[in-house]
Amino acid sequence: VIEVSLGTERIALGDPRKAPFSALHRGTGSLNEKVNFARFIFSKLKREQSLGQALRNAGCGTTYERVIRPFLQGVFFADPDQVDAHYGQIVIRSFVTGSPGIPKFGVGQLSQALASRISDLQLNVRAERIVGNTVQTSVGEFDARDILIATDATTASQLLELGQVCRMQGCVTWYHATDLNPSGTGRLIIDGQKRGPVFNSLTISDISKAYAPSGMNLISSTTDLGTTDSEVRRHLSTMWGVETRDWQLIAKYEIASALPLHEVGKTLTQPTKISDHLYVAGDHRTVPSQQGALFSGSLAAQLILN
């Protein structure tokens, strides 16, 4: 269940099992449009079309413009008209059938869990070139039976000496602290009228209390690149319907190449095995997302072990 900011209202919309009457609110589109969206999720799509066009063709109308489009812009960091329909449908389906969540003590727990299973992990070493079964690095050469390049798209292309790099999208994540909780539900909020730069926002400490000290609340918001704190505060005030001037900016993380753009016509998966002993993994090889990165890494590991 998410909340859509429209005018001075915040309208809940989502899984009918959790919000059974939310689909009836006309502000987020007609019931027929929402039924059309439900049909779209599991429909067979034509190739070579954008996700935005496919959703408009499916008859999602106002629901697309006020809910689906602004929500997806916060998922892809791009307009759905730039995104391949088949890929976009898979991502939407994962939201509908899965259960989104966050690590209790932050996403760093994931890398810590992976690192804990490696006996000889060397950090702050730059891989510069791969020659046969040898990796040339900033601290010397390493020989290996198999080599797996599990990096961002640009680094992987450089190490594989590929000329083309997939287009990347950037974003900024803002963390503000406040003693007054604007939510209390832990729901993601989007702006159905696109009145500012914020893609989405939520009180992340409602989901995990470990994200903020006792008596305080942590608000996590995502924007496009090139946005100022004052612009973000103004838009958050509009979306949440509260005063934000006293919110304390805790951190701002700007990632210029946060997510590969899966453009119209691009295949869903790229080869994992490059040669007999060379493999590559990452969300740029499959569905751009943390989920896609994990799937790609698991596939590469299985190929190497087998």
C-alpha atoms as a PDB file:
ATOM      1  CA  VAL A   1       0.000   0.000   0.000  1.00  0.00           C
ATOM      2  CA  ILE A   2       1.324   3.435  -0.968  1.00  0.00           C
ATOM      3  CA  GLU A   3      -0.027   6.947  -0.471  1.00  0.00           C
ATOM      4  CA  VAL A   4      -0.641   9.387  -3.313  1.00  0.00           C
ATOM      5  CA  SER A   5      -0.425  13.100  -2.559  1.00  0.00           C
ATOM      6  CA  LEU A   6      -3.164  14.979  -4.448  1.00  0.00           C
ATOM      7  CA  GLY A   7      -3.959  18.555  -3.487  1.00  0.00           C
ATOM      8  CA  THR A   8      -4.029  18.540   0.318  1.00  0.00           C
ATOM      9  CA  GLU A   9      -4.995  14.856   0.536  1.00  0.00           C
ATOM     10  CA  ARG A  10      -2.916  11.703   0.969  1.00  0.00           C
ATOM     11  CA  ILE A  11      -4.853   8.859  -0.618  1.00  0.00           C
ATOM     12  CA  ALA A  12      -3.980   5.240   0.171  1.00  0.00           C
ATOM     13  CA  LEU A  13      -3.937   2.775  -2.726  1.00  0.00           C
ATOM     14  CA  GLY A  14      -2.684  -0.779  -2.952  1.00  0.00           C
ATOM     15  CA  ASP A  15      -3.226  -4.458  -2.287  1.00  0.00           C
ATOM     16  CA  PRO A  16      -6.982  -4.982  -1.800  1.00  0.00           C
ATOM     17  CA  ARG A  17      -6.191  -7.535   0.918  1.00  0.00           C
ATOM     18  CA  LYS A  18      -4.604  -4.761   2.996  1.00  0.00           C
ATOM     19  CA  ALA A  19      -6.618  -1.757   1.787  1.00  0.00           C
ATOM     20  CA  PRO A  20      -9.855  -3.296   0.457  1.00  0.00           C
ATOM     21  CA  PHE A  21     -11.649  -0.043  -0.433  1.00  0.00           C
ATOM     22  CA  SER A  22      -8.664   1.967  -1.667  1.00  0.00           C
ATOM     23  CA  ALA A  23      -9.384   1.211  -5.340  1.00  0.00           C
ATOM     24  CA  LEU A  24     -12.742   2.992  -5.088  1.00  0.00           C
ATOM     25  CA  HIS A  25     -11.279   6.481  -4.620  1.00  0.00           C
ATOM     26  CA  ARG A  26     -11.832   8.396  -7.866  1.00  0.00           C
ATOM     27  CA  GLY A  27      -8.892  10.721  -7.208  1.00  0.00           C
ATOM     28  CA  THR A  28      -6.478   7.968  -8.223  1.00  0.00           C
ATOM     29  CA  GLY A  29      -8.472   6.984 -11.302  1.00  0.00           C
ATOM     30  CA  SER A  30     -11.577   4.973 -12.050  1.00  0.00           C
ATOM     31  CA  LEU A  31     -12.152   1.420 -10.879  1.00  0.00           C
ATOM     32  CA  ASN A  32     -12.121   0.306 -14.512  1.00  0.00           C
ATOM     33  CA  GLU A  33      -8.639   1.813 -15.001  1.00  0.00           C
ATOM     34  CA  LYS A  34      -7.363  -0.059 -11.950  1.00  0.00           C
ATOM     35  CA  VAL A  35      -8.855  -3.308 -13.246  1.00  0.00           C
ATOM     36  CA  ASN A  36      -7.107  -2.646 -16.570  1.00  0.00           C
ATOM     37  CA  PHE A  37      -3.825  -2.211 -14.714  1.00  0.00           C
ATOM     38  CA  ALA A  38      -4.327  -5.515 -12.887  1.00  0.00           C
ATOM     39  CA  ARG A  39      -4.910  -7.221 -16.245  1.00  0.00           C
ATOM     40  CA  PHE A  40      -1.818  -5.560 -17.700  1.00  0.00           C
ATOM     41  CA  ILE A  41       0.459  -7.078 -15.052  1.00  0.00           C
ATOM     42  CA  PHE A  42      -0.011 -10.606 -16.375  1.00  0.00           C
ATOM     43  CA  SER A  43      -0.825  -9.844 -20.016  1.00  0.00           C
ATOM     44  CA  LYS A  44       1.293 -10.728 -23.038  1.00  0.00           C
ATOM     45  CA  LEU A  45       2.974  -7.633 -24.452  1.00  0.00           C
ATOM     46  CA  LYS A  46       4.141  -6.680 -27.912  1.00  0.00           C
ATOM     47  CA  ARG A  47       7.887  -6.322 -28.369  1.00  0.00           C
ATOM     48  CA  GLU A  48       9.637  -3.041 -29.129  1.00  0.00           C
ATOM     49  CA  GLN A  49       7.393  -0.700 -27.156  1.00  0.00           C
ATOM     50  CA  SER A  50       7.885   1.481 -24.105  1.00  0.00           C
ATOM     51  CA  LEU A  51       6.321   0.717 -20.748  1.00  0.00           C
ATOM     52  CA  GLY A  52       4.519   4.055 -20.760  1.00  0.00           C
ATOM     53  CA  GLN A  53       2.935   3.389 -24.143  1.00  0.00           C
ATOM     54  CA  ALA A  54       1.932  -0.136 -23.118  1.00  0.00           C
ATOM     55  CA  LEU A  55       0.211   1.150 -19.967  1.00  0.00           C
ATOM     56  CA  ARG A  56      -1.634   3.865 -21.877  1.00  0.00           C
ATOM     57  CA  ASN A  57      -2.709   1.310 -24.493  1.00  0.00           C
ATOM     58  CA  ALA A  58      -3.961  -0.929 -21.678  1.00  0.00           C
ATOM     59  CA  GLY A  59      -6.449   1.763 -20.656  1.00  0.00           C
ATOM     60  CA  CYS A  60      -4.869   2.841 -17.369  1.00  0.00           C
ATOM     61  CA  GLY A  61      -5.653   6.531 -18.038  1.00  0.00           C
ATOM     62  CA  THR A  62      -5.726   8.734 -14.942  1.00  0.00           C
ATOM     63  CA  THR A  63      -4.433   5.897 -12.760  1.00  0.00           C
ATOM     64  CA  TYR A  64      -1.316   5.813 -14.923  1.00  0.00           C
ATOM     65  CA  GLU A  65      -0.732   9.567 -14.848  1.00  0.00           C
ATOM     66  CA  ARG A  66      -1.401  10.079 -11.127  1.00  0.00           C
ATOM     67  CA  VAL A  67      -0.148   6.838  -9.601  1.00  0.00           C
ATOM     68  CA  ILE A  68       1.720   4.414 -11.829  1.00  0.00           C
ATOM     69  CA  ARG A  69       3.885   6.913 -13.708  1.00  0.00           C
ATOM     70  CA  PRO A  70       5.152   8.872 -10.657  1.00  0.00           C
ATOM     71  CA  PHE A  71       5.709   5.617  -8.756  1.00  0.00           C
ATOM     72  CA  LEU A  72       7.715   4.069 -11.594  1.00  0.00           C
ATOM     73  CA  GLN A  73       9.831   7.204 -12.038  1.00  0.00           C
ATOM     74  CA  GLY A  74      11.101   6.502  -8.523  1.00  0.00           C
ATOM     75  CA  VAL A  75      11.840   2.899  -9.483  1.00  0.00           C
ATOM     76  CA  PHE A  76      13.648   3.481 -12.795  1.00  0.00           C
ATOM     77  CA  PHE A  77      14.887   7.085 -12.227  1.00  0.00           C
ATOM     78  CA  ALA A  78      13.510   7.652 -15.723  1.00  0.00           C
ATOM     79  CA  ASP A  79      10.167   8.225 -17.383  1.00  0.00           C
ATOM     80  CA  PRO A  80       8.377   4.954 -18.287  1.00  0.00           C
ATOM     81  CA  ASP A  81       8.398   6.140 -21.923  1.00  0.00           C
ATOM     82  CA  GLN A  82      12.164   5.452 -21.893  1.00  0.00           C
ATOM     83  CA  VAL A  83      11.848   1.956 -20.408  1.00  0.00           C
ATOM     84  CA  ASP A  84      11.245  -1.339 -22.217  1.00  0.00           C
ATOM     85  CA  ALA A  85       7.707  -2.619 -21.615  1.00  0.00           C
ATOM     86  CA  HIS A  86       8.590  -6.281 -21.073  1.00  0.00           C
ATOM     87  CA  TYR A  87      11.262  -5.436 -18.495  1.00  0.00           C
ATOM     88  CA  GLY A  88       8.968  -2.926 -16.796  1.00  0.00           C
ATOM     89  CA  GLN A  89       6.176  -5.466 -16.573  1.00  0.00           C
ATOM     90  CA  ILE A  90       8.504  -7.904 -14.792  1.00  0.00           C
ATOM     91  CA  VAL A  91       9.477  -5.247 -12.255  1.00  0.00           C
ATOM     92  CA  ILE A  92       5.839  -4.292 -11.621  1.00  0.00           C
ATOM     93  CA  ARG A  93       4.934  -7.963 -11.220  1.00  0.00           C
ATOM     94  CA  SER A  94       7.664  -8.385  -8.588  1.00  0.00           C
ATOM     95  CA  PHE A  95       6.164  -5.519  -6.554  1.00  0.00           C
ATOM     96  CA  VAL A  96       2.701  -7.065  -6.755  1.00  0.00           C
ATOM     97  CA  THR A  97       3.687 -10.654  -5.962  1.00  0.00           C
ATOM     98  CA  GLY A  98       6.634 -10.006  -3.629  1.00  0.00           C
ATOM     99  CA  SER A  99       7.131  -8.400  -0.229  1.00  0.00           C
ATOM    100  CA  PRO A 100       9.474  -5.384  -0.342  1.00  0.00           C
ATOM    101  CA  GLY A 101      11.592  -4.814   2.751  1.00  0.00           C
ATOM    102  CA  ILE A 102      14.808  -3.359   4.119  1.00  0.00           C
ATOM    103  CA  PRO A 103      17.623  -4.841   6.237  1.00  0.00           C
ATOM    104  CA  LYS A 104      16.999  -3.995   9.896  1.00  0.00           C
ATOM    105  CA  PHE A 105      20.357  -2.243  10.346  1.00  0.00           C
ATOM    106  CA  GLY A 106      20.875  -0.923   6.813  1.00  0.00           C
ATOM    107  CA  VAL A 107      21.758  -2.257   3.382  1.00  0.00           C
ATOM    108  CA  GLY A 108      25.405  -2.616   4.458  1.00  0.00           C
ATOM    109  CA  GLN A 109      24.344  -5.837   6.161  1.00  0.00           C
ATOM    110  CA  LEU A 110      24.119  -7.470   2.737  1.00  0.00           C
ATOM    111  CA  SER A 111      27.742  -6.779   1.792  1.00  0.00           C
ATOM    112  CA  GLN A 112      28.851  -7.740   5.313  1.00  0.00           C
ATOM    113  CA  ALA A 113      27.056 -11.071   4.982  1.00  0.00           C
ATOM    114  CA  LEU A 114      28.756 -11.727   1.637  1.00  0.00           C
ATOM    115  CA  ALA A 115      32.182 -10.669   2.934  1.00  0.00           C
ATOM    116  CA  SER A 116      31.918 -12.893   6.017  1.00  0.00           C
ATOM    117  CA  ARG A 117      32.077 -15.988   3.779  1.00  0.00           C
ATOM    118  CA  ILE A 118      35.295 -14.977   1.994  1.00  0.00           C
ATOM    119  CA  SER A 119      38.505 -16.070   3.719  1.00  0.00           C
ATOM    120  CA  ASP A 120      40.948 -13.764   1.903  1.00  0.00           C
ATOM    121  CA  LEU A 121      39.084 -10.597   1.016  1.00  0.00           C
ATOM    122  CA  GLN A 122      41.281  -7.711  -0.143  1.00  0.00           C
ATOM    123  CA  LEU A 123      39.732  -4.256  -0.074  1.00  0.00           C
ATOM    124  CA  ASN A 124      40.838  -1.022  -1.770  1.00  0.00           C
ATOM    125  CA  VAL A 125      42.595  -2.930  -4.560  1.00  0.00           C
ATOM    126  CA  ARG A 126      41.896  -1.763  -8.117  1.00  0.00           C
ATOM    127  CA  ALA A 127      41.604  -4.360 -10.872  1.00  0.00           C
ATOM    128  CA  GLU A 128      43.268  -2.843 -13.948  1.00  0.00           C
ATOM    129  CA  ARG A 129      43.382  -5.532 -16.616  1.00  0.00           C
ATOM    130  CA  ILE A 130      42.596  -9.188 -17.254  1.00  0.00           C
ATOM    131  CA  VAL A 131      45.031 -11.265 -19.318  1.00  0.00           C
ATOM    132  CA  GLY A 132      44.062 -14.911 -19.668  1.00  0.00           C
ATOM    133  CA  ASN A 133      43.665 -16.289 -16.150  1.00  0.00           C
ATOM    134  CA  THR A 134      45.560 -13.402 -14.567  1.00  0.00           C
ATOM    135  CA  VAL A 135      44.128 -10.243 -13.027  1.00  0.00           C
ATOM    136  CA  GLN A 136      46.532  -7.303 -13.003  1.00  0.00           C
ATOM    137  CA  THR A 137      45.802  -5.018 -10.054  1.00  0.00           C
ATOM    138  CA  SER A 138      47.179  -1.973  -8.268  1.00  0.00           C
ATOM    139  CA  VAL A 139      49.047  -4.278  -5.844  1.00  0.00           C
ATOM    140  CA  GLY A 140      50.260  -6.964  -8.238  1.00  0.00           C
ATOM    141  CA  GLU A 141      48.997  -9.922 -10.234  1.00  0.00           C
ATOM    142  CA  PHE A 142      46.607 -12.668  -9.166  1.00  0.00           C
ATOM    143  CA  ASP A 143      46.194 -15.979 -10.991  1.00  0.00           C
ATOM    144  CA  ALA A 144      42.864 -17.788 -10.826  1.00  0.00           C
ATOM    145  CA  ARG A 145      41.103 -20.804 -12.264  1.00  0.00           C
ATOM    146  CA  ASP A 146      37.992 -18.690 -12.880  1.00  0.00           C
ATOM    147  CA  ILE A 147      37.500 -14.924 -12.884  1.00  0.00           C
ATOM    148  CA  LEU A 148      34.179 -13.246 -12.107  1.00  0.00           C
ATOM    149  CA  ILE A 149      33.725  -9.535 -12.831  1.00  0.00           C
ATOM    150  CA  ALA A 150      30.979  -8.408 -10.447  1.00  0.00           C
ATOM    151  CA  THR A 151      31.187  -4.635 -10.807  1.00  0.00           C
ATOM    152  CA  ASP A 152      29.252  -1.684 -12.154  1.00  0.00           C
ATOM    153  CA  ALA A 153      28.605  -1.550 -15.892  1.00  0.00           C
ATOM    154  CA  THR A 154      31.386   0.947 -16.691  1.00  0.00           C
ATOM    155  CA  THR A 155      34.115  -0.973 -14.844  1.00  0.00           C
ATOM    156  CA  ALA A 156      32.973  -4.261 -16.374  1.00  0.00           C
ATOM    157  CA  SER A 157      33.106  -2.761 -19.878  1.00  0.00           C
ATOM    158  CA  GLN A 158      36.617  -1.417 -19.256  1.00  0.00           C
ATOM    159  CA  LEU A 159      37.923  -4.746 -17.952  1.00  0.00           C
ATOM    160  CA  LEU A 160      36.276  -6.654 -20.802  1.00  0.00           C
ATOM    161  CA  GLU A 161      37.494  -4.005 -23.278  1.00  0.00           C
ATOM    162  CA  LEU A 162      34.019  -3.437 -24.646  1.00  0.00           C
ATOM    163  CA  GLY A 163      33.380  -0.228 -26.534  1.00  0.00           C
ATOM    164  CA  GLN A 164      29.761   0.273 -25.522  1.00  0.00           C
ATOM    165  CA  VAL A 165      28.490   1.009 -22.010  1.00  0.00           C
ATOM    166  CA  CYS A 166      24.799   0.924 -21.153  1.00  0.00           C
ATOM    167  CA  ARG A 167      23.164   4.229 -20.281  1.00  0.00           C
ATOM    168  CA  MET A 168      23.026   4.913 -16.548  1.00  0.00           C
ATOM    169  CA  GLN A 169      20.511   6.907 -14.502  1.00  0.00           C
ATOM    170  CA  GLY A 170      21.396   8.913 -11.397  1.00  0.00           C
ATOM    171  CA  CYS A 171      19.576   9.848  -8.213  1.00  0.00           C
ATOM    172  CA  VAL A 172      20.006  11.552  -4.858  1.00  0.00           C
ATOM    173  CA  THR A 173      18.773  10.090  -1.564  1.00  0.00           C
ATOM    174  CA  TRP A 174      18.086  12.582   1.229  1.00  0.00           C
ATOM    175  CA  TYR A 175      17.791  11.755   4.932  1.00  0.00           C
ATOM    176  CA  HIS A 176      16.042  14.230   7.238  1.00  0.00           C
ATOM    177  CA  ALA A 177      15.421  13.843  10.974  1.00  0.00           C
ATOM    178  CA  THR A 178      12.363  15.206  12.759  1.00  0.00           C
ATOM    179  CA  ASP A 179      10.741  14.717  16.146  1.00  0.00           C
ATOM    180  CA  LEU A 180       7.256  14.842  14.605  1.00  0.00           C
ATOM    181  CA  ASN A 181       6.386  11.806  12.491  1.00  0.00           C
ATOM    182  CA  PRO A 182       4.489  12.876   9.340  1.00  0.00           C
ATOM    183  CA  SER A 183       3.355   9.311   8.655  1.00  0.00           C
ATOM    184  CA  GLY A 184       3.212   6.582  11.305  1.00  0.00           C
ATOM    185  CA  THR A 185       2.390   3.955   8.674  1.00  0.00           C
ATOM    186  CA  GLY A 186       5.735   3.314   6.978  1.00  0.00           C
ATOM    187  CA  ARG A 187       4.037   3.772   3.608  1.00  0.00           C
ATOM    188  CA  LEU A 188       5.816   5.205   0.601  1.00  0.00           C
ATOM    189  CA  ILE A 189       4.328   8.508  -0.555  1.00  0.00           C
ATOM    190  CA  ILE A 190       4.415   9.822  -4.134  1.00  0.00           C
ATOM    191  CA  ASP A 191       3.142  13.042  -5.695  1.00  0.00           C
ATOM    192  CA  GLY A 192       0.313  12.385  -8.144  1.00  0.00           C
ATOM    193  CA  GLN A 193       0.639  15.923  -9.501  1.00  0.00           C
ATOM    194  CA  LYS A 194       4.444  16.095  -9.857  1.00  0.00           C
ATOM    195  CA  ARG A 195       4.739  19.460  -8.079  1.00  0.00           C
ATOM    196  CA  GLY A 196       8.453  19.162  -7.397  1.00  0.00           C
ATOM    197  CA  PRO A 197      11.632  17.078  -7.717  1.00  0.00           C
ATOM    198  CA  VAL A 198      10.892  14.329  -5.164  1.00  0.00           C
ATOM    199  CA  PHE A 199      10.197  10.891  -6.650  1.00  0.00           C
ATOM    200  CA  ASN A 200       9.081   9.384  -3.356  1.00  0.00           C
ATOM    201  CA  SER A 201       9.457   9.671   0.406  1.00  0.00           C
ATOM    202  CA  LEU A 202       8.818   7.551   3.493  1.00  0.00           C
ATOM    203  CA  THR A 203       9.443   7.530   7.221  1.00  0.00           C
ATOM    204  CA  ILE A 204      11.965   4.725   7.089  1.00  0.00           C
ATOM    205  CA  SER A 205      12.200   4.515  10.884  1.00  0.00           C
ATOM    206  CA  ASP A 206       8.547   3.378  10.888  1.00  0.00           C
ATOM    207  CA  ILE A 207       9.769   0.223   9.171  1.00  0.00           C
ATOM    208  CA  SER A 208      12.845  -0.298  11.362  1.00  0.00           C
ATOM    209  CA  LYS A 209      13.223   1.631  14.642  1.00  0.00           C
ATOM    210  CA  ALA A 210      16.988   1.026  14.420  1.00  0.00           C
ATOM    211  CA  TYR A 211      17.213   3.723  11.723  1.00  0.00           C
ATOM    212  CA  ALA A 212      16.614   6.570  14.196  1.00  0.00           C
ATOM    213  CA  PRO A 213      17.325   7.247  17.900  1.00  0.00           C
ATOM    214  CA  SER A 214      14.460   7.108  20.382  1.00  0.00           C
ATOM    215  CA  GLY A 215      12.099  10.050  20.024  1.00  0.00           C
ATOM    216  CA  MET A 216      13.237  10.894  16.492  1.00  0.00           C
ATOM    217  CA  ASN A 217      12.075   9.887  13.018  1.00  0.00           C
ATOM    218  CA  LEU A 218      14.149   9.438   9.866  1.00  0.00           C
ATOM    219  CA  ILE A 219      12.621  10.504   6.547  1.00  0.00           C
ATOM    220  CA  SER A 220      14.168   9.011   3.397  1.00  0.00           C
ATOM    221  CA  SER A 221      13.426  10.753   0.090  1.00  0.00           C
ATOM    222  CA  THR A 222      14.678  10.225  -3.459  1.00  0.00           C
ATOM    223  CA  THR A 223      15.109  12.859  -6.162  1.00  0.00           C
ATOM    224  CA  ASP A 224      16.731  13.333  -9.537  1.00  0.00           C
ATOM    225  CA  LEU A 225      20.238  14.793  -9.768  1.00  0.00           C
ATOM    226  CA  GLY A 226      20.818  18.534  -9.459  1.00  0.00           C
ATOM    227  CA  THR A 227      18.247  19.232  -6.737  1.00  0.00           C
ATOM    228  CA  THR A 228      18.794  21.549  -3.752  1.00  0.00           C
ATOM    229  CA  ASP A 229      17.807  20.944  -0.133  1.00  0.00           C
ATOM    230  CA  SER A 230      15.408  23.906  -0.178  1.00  0.00           C
ATOM    231  CA  GLU A 231      13.631  22.506  -3.263  1.00  0.00           C
ATOM    232  CA  VAL A 232      13.359  19.119  -1.588  1.00  0.00           C
ATOM    233  CA  ARG A 233      11.983  20.602   1.650  1.00  0.00           C
ATOM    234  CA  ARG A 234       9.344  22.633  -0.201  1.00  0.00           C
ATOM    235  CA  HIS A 235       8.162  19.598  -2.134  1.00  0.00           C
ATOM    236  CA  LEU A 236       8.168  17.359   0.952  1.00  0.00           C
ATOM    237  CA  SER A 237       6.075  19.947   2.781  1.00  0.00           C
ATOM    238  CA  THR A 238       3.527  19.796  -0.042  1.00  0.00           C
ATOM    239  CA  MET A 239       3.527  16.004  -0.209  1.00  0.00           C
ATOM    240  CA  TRP A 240       3.357  15.311   3.523  1.00  0.00           C
ATOM    241  CA  GLY A 241       1.187  18.318   4.373  1.00  0.00           C
ATOM    242  CA  VAL A 242       3.502  19.423   7.203  1.00  0.00           C
ATOM    243  CA  GLU A 243       6.077  22.141   7.834  1.00  0.00           C
ATOM    244  CA  THR A 244       9.603  20.920   7.007  1.00  0.00           C
ATOM    245  CA  ARG A 245      11.777  23.969   7.765  1.00  0.00           C
ATOM    246  CA  ASP A 246      12.887  22.477  11.091  1.00  0.00           C
ATOM    247  CA  TRP A 247      13.767  19.081   9.629  1.00  0.00           C
ATOM    248  CA  GLN A 248      17.467  18.353  10.109  1.00  0.00           C
ATOM    249  CA  LEU A 249      19.414  17.213   7.040  1.00  0.00           C
ATOM    250  CA  ILE A 250      21.337  14.155   8.263  1.00  0.00           C
ATOM    251  CA  ALA A 251      22.872  12.961   5.000  1.00  0.00           C
ATOM    252  CA  LYS A 252      22.677  13.325   1.240  1.00  0.00           C
ATOM    253  CA  TYR A 253      23.901  10.573  -1.079  1.00  0.00           C
ATOM    254  CA  GLU A 254      24.312  11.512  -4.732  1.00  0.00           C
ATOM    255  CA  ILE A 255      24.921   8.591  -7.090  1.00  0.00           C
ATOM    256  CA  ALA A 256      25.504   9.679 -10.677  1.00  0.00           C
ATOM    257  CA  SER A 257      25.310   6.115 -12.055  1.00  0.00           C
ATOM    258  CA  ALA A 258      22.796   4.483  -9.753  1.00  0.00           C
ATOM    259  CA  LEU A 259      20.894   2.222 -12.139  1.00  0.00           C
ATOM    260  CA  PRO A 260      21.230   0.982 -15.731  1.00  0.00           C
ATOM    261  CA  LEU A 261      18.477   2.221 -18.039  1.00  0.00           C
ATOM    262  CA  HIS A 262      16.791  -0.775 -19.667  1.00  0.00           C
ATOM    263  CA  GLU A 263      15.852   0.911 -22.929  1.00  0.00           C
ATOM    264  CA  VAL A 264      13.163  -0.169 -25.377  1.00  0.00           C
ATOM    265  CA  GLY A 265      14.156  -3.284 -27.318  1.00  0.00           C
ATOM    266  CA  LYS A 266      16.964  -4.387 -25.002  1.00  0.00           C
ATOM    267  CA  THR A 267      16.954  -8.113 -24.227  1.00  0.00           C
ATOM    268  CA  LEU A 268      16.195  -9.174 -20.665  1.00  0.00           C
ATOM    269  CA  THR A 269      19.502 -10.955 -20.075  1.00  0.00           C
ATOM    270  CA  GLN A 270      23.057 -10.596 -21.341  1.00  0.00           C
ATOM    271  CA  PRO A 271      25.536 -13.531 -21.444  1.00  0.00           C
ATOM    272  CA  THR A 272      27.112 -14.368 -18.083  1.00  0.00           C
ATOM    273  CA  LYS A 273      29.914 -16.542 -19.456  1.00  0.00           C
ATOM    274  CA  ILE A 274      32.329 -14.540 -21.613  1.00  0.00           C
ATOM    275  CA  SER A 275      34.924 -17.282 -22.197  1.00  0.00           C
ATOM    276  CA  ASP A 276      36.004 -20.598 -20.657  1.00  0.00           C
ATOM    277  CA  HIS A 277      37.223 -19.030 -17.406  1.00  0.00           C
ATOM    278  CA  LEU A 278      35.756 -15.523 -17.495  1.00  0.00           C
ATOM    279  CA  TYR A 279      32.325 -14.535 -16.181  1.00  0.00           C
ATOM    280  CA  VAL A 280      30.505 -11.262 -15.555  1.00  0.00           C
ATOM    281  CA  ALA A 281      27.618 -10.449 -13.196  1.00  0.00           C
ATOM    282  CA  GLY A 282      25.619  -7.372 -12.261  1.00  0.00           C
ATOM    283  CA  ASP A 283      22.257  -5.724 -12.682  1.00  0.00           C
ATOM    284  CA  HIS A 284      23.488  -4.434 -16.051  1.00  0.00           C
ATOM    285  CA  ARG A 285      23.418  -8.045 -17.286  1.00  0.00           C
ATOM    286  CA  THR A 286      19.810  -8.680 -16.302  1.00  0.00           C
ATOM    287  CA  VAL A 287      16.949  -6.757 -14.637  1.00  0.00           C
ATOM    288  CA  PRO A 288      18.365  -3.446 -13.290  1.00  0.00           C
ATOM    289  CA  SER A 289      17.677  -3.628  -9.539  1.00  0.00           C
ATOM    290  CA  GLN A 290      19.191  -5.106  -6.395  1.00  0.00           C
ATOM    291  CA  GLN A 291      17.052  -8.151  -7.097  1.00  0.00           C
ATOM    292  CA  GLY A 292      18.548  -8.399 -10.592  1.00  0.00           C
ATOM    293  CA  ALA A 293      22.079  -8.038  -9.252  1.00  0.00           C
ATOM    294  CA  LEU A 294      21.531 -10.873  -6.764  1.00  0.00           C
ATOM    295  CA  PHE A 295      20.010 -13.087  -9.457  1.00  0.00           C
ATOM    296  CA  SER A 296      22.902 -12.387 -11.839  1.00  0.00           C
ATOM    297  CA  GLY A 297      25.474 -13.139  -9.140  1.00  0.00           C
ATOM    298  CA  SER A 298      23.737 -16.379  -8.212  1.00  0.00           C
ATOM    299  CA  LEU A 299      23.626 -17.457 -11.871  1.00  0.00           C
ATOM    300  CA  ALA A 300      27.337 -16.738 -12.321  1.00  0.00           C
ATOM    301  CA  ALA A 301      28.215 -18.652  -9.147  1.00  0.00           C
ATOM    302  CA  GLN A 302      26.240 -21.688 -10.306  1.00  0.00           C
ATOM    303  CA  LEU A 303      27.981 -21.669 -13.689  1.00  0.00           C
ATOM    304  CA  ILE A 304      31.407 -21.520 -12.030  1.00  0.00           C
ATOM    305  CA  LEU A 305      30.630 -24.242  -9.470  1.00  0.00           C
ATOM    306  CA  ASN A 306      29.178 -26.560 -12.098  1.00  0.00           C
END
